[in-house]
């Protein structure tokens, strides 16, 4: 994976707890394993911002949901 970038997408109907679990799992991997190349050094923070935005939108959609 030194010369390629891998993108993983998770789709489905998740509960709030599952969203939290997946976000922190992937955010941790992104921070630890992401910035190892010249391009990745720039792209990793952008992915982190995008993932945080998507995480916030998902939690906003679930604000009135019953657990």
C-alpha atoms as a PDB file:
ATOM      1  CA  UNK A   1       0.000   0.000   0.000  1.00  0.00           C
ATOM      2  CA  UNK A   2       2.959   2.333  -0.415  1.00  0.00           C
ATOM      3  CA  UNK A   3       1.884   3.371  -3.917  1.00  0.00           C
ATOM      4  CA  UNK A   4      -1.899   3.007  -3.739  1.00  0.00           C
ATOM      5  CA  UNK A   5      -4.655   4.577  -1.731  1.00  0.00           C
ATOM      6  CA  UNK A   6      -7.505   2.487  -0.375  1.00  0.00           C
ATOM      7  CA  UNK A   7     -10.961   3.910   0.264  1.00  0.00           C
ATOM      8  CA  UNK A   8     -13.564   2.021   2.269  1.00  0.00           C
ATOM      9  CA  UNK A   9     -17.252   2.922   2.255  1.00  0.00           C
ATOM     10  CA  UNK A  10     -19.768   1.596   4.736  1.00  0.00           C
ATOM     11  CA  UNK A  11     -23.451   1.854   3.856  1.00  0.00           C
ATOM     12  CA  UNK A  12     -26.462   0.799   5.838  1.00  0.00           C
ATOM     13  CA  UNK A  13     -28.944   1.751   8.483  1.00  0.00           C
ATOM     14  CA  UNK A  14     -26.908   2.167  11.653  1.00  0.00           C
ATOM     15  CA  UNK A  15     -27.952   3.000  15.174  1.00  0.00           C
ATOM     16  CA  UNK A  16     -26.264   5.872  16.985  1.00  0.00           C
ATOM     17  CA  UNK A  17     -23.936   3.521  18.878  1.00  0.00           C
ATOM     18  CA  UNK A  18     -22.837   1.802  15.661  1.00  0.00           C
ATOM     19  CA  UNK A  19     -22.154   5.166  14.021  1.00  0.00           C
ATOM     20  CA  UNK A  20     -19.970   6.211  16.966  1.00  0.00           C
ATOM     21  CA  UNK A  21     -18.096   2.907  16.907  1.00  0.00           C
ATOM     22  CA  UNK A  22     -17.401   2.992  13.167  1.00  0.00           C
ATOM     23  CA  UNK A  23     -16.443   6.670  13.130  1.00  0.00           C
ATOM     24  CA  UNK A  24     -13.863   6.345  15.898  1.00  0.00           C
ATOM     25  CA  UNK A  25     -12.519   3.084  14.442  1.00  0.00           C
ATOM     26  CA  UNK A  26     -11.918   4.612  11.035  1.00  0.00           C
ATOM     27  CA  UNK A  27     -10.803   8.022  12.344  1.00  0.00           C
ATOM     28  CA  UNK A  28      -8.147   6.309  14.456  1.00  0.00           C
ATOM     29  CA  UNK A  29      -6.888   4.295  11.511  1.00  0.00           C
ATOM     30  CA  UNK A  30      -6.924   7.399   9.341  1.00  0.00           C
ATOM     31  CA  UNK A  31      -4.837   9.404  11.813  1.00  0.00           C
ATOM     32  CA  UNK A  32      -2.341   6.617  12.560  1.00  0.00           C
ATOM     33  CA  UNK A  33      -1.950   5.004   9.161  1.00  0.00           C
ATOM     34  CA  UNK A  34      -2.959   7.766   6.764  1.00  0.00           C
ATOM     35  CA  UNK A  35      -0.162  10.332   6.447  1.00  0.00           C
ATOM     36  CA  UNK A  36       2.726   8.098   5.309  1.00  0.00           C
ATOM     37  CA  UNK A  37       3.224   9.520   1.819  1.00  0.00           C
ATOM     38  CA  UNK A  38       3.622  12.934   0.259  1.00  0.00           C
ATOM     39  CA  UNK A  39       0.142  12.970  -1.271  1.00  0.00           C
ATOM     40  CA  UNK A  40      -1.395  11.279   1.751  1.00  0.00           C
ATOM     41  CA  UNK A  41       0.108  13.908   3.998  1.00  0.00           C
ATOM     42  CA  UNK A  42      -2.211  16.405   2.296  1.00  0.00           C
ATOM     43  CA  UNK A  43      -5.184  14.129   1.575  1.00  0.00           C
ATOM     44  CA  UNK A  44      -5.484  12.510   5.017  1.00  0.00           C
ATOM     45  CA  UNK A  45      -6.604  15.686   6.821  1.00  0.00           C
ATOM     46  CA  UNK A  46      -9.129  16.300   4.036  1.00  0.00           C
ATOM     47  CA  UNK A  47     -10.535  12.795   4.482  1.00  0.00           C
ATOM     48  CA  UNK A  48     -10.694  13.355   8.233  1.00  0.00           C
ATOM     49  CA  UNK A  49     -12.643  16.595   7.743  1.00  0.00           C
ATOM     50  CA  UNK A  50     -14.986  14.932   5.258  1.00  0.00           C
ATOM     51  CA  UNK A  51     -15.572  11.958   7.577  1.00  0.00           C
ATOM     52  CA  UNK A  52     -16.228  14.259  10.536  1.00  0.00           C
ATOM     53  CA  UNK A  53     -18.746  16.243   8.463  1.00  0.00           C
ATOM     54  CA  UNK A  54     -20.531  13.028   7.439  1.00  0.00           C
ATOM     55  CA  UNK A  55     -20.479  11.811  11.049  1.00  0.00           C
ATOM     56  CA  UNK A  56     -22.065  15.065  12.214  1.00  0.00           C
ATOM     57  CA  UNK A  57     -24.743  14.877   9.524  1.00  0.00           C
ATOM     58  CA  UNK A  58     -25.584  11.299  10.478  1.00  0.00           C
ATOM     59  CA  UNK A  59     -25.927  12.232  14.149  1.00  0.00           C
ATOM     60  CA  UNK A  60     -28.075  15.225  13.197  1.00  0.00           C
ATOM     61  CA  UNK A  61     -30.434  12.968  11.251  1.00  0.00           C
ATOM     62  CA  UNK A  62     -30.739  10.686  14.289  1.00  0.00           C
ATOM     63  CA  UNK A  63     -31.317  13.500  16.809  1.00  0.00           C
ATOM     64  CA  UNK A  64     -34.956  12.538  17.437  1.00  0.00           C
ATOM     65  CA  UNK A  65     -34.605   8.787  16.998  1.00  0.00           C
ATOM     66  CA  UNK A  66     -35.488   6.390  19.786  1.00  0.00           C
ATOM     67  CA  UNK A  67     -32.684   4.031  20.821  1.00  0.00           C
END
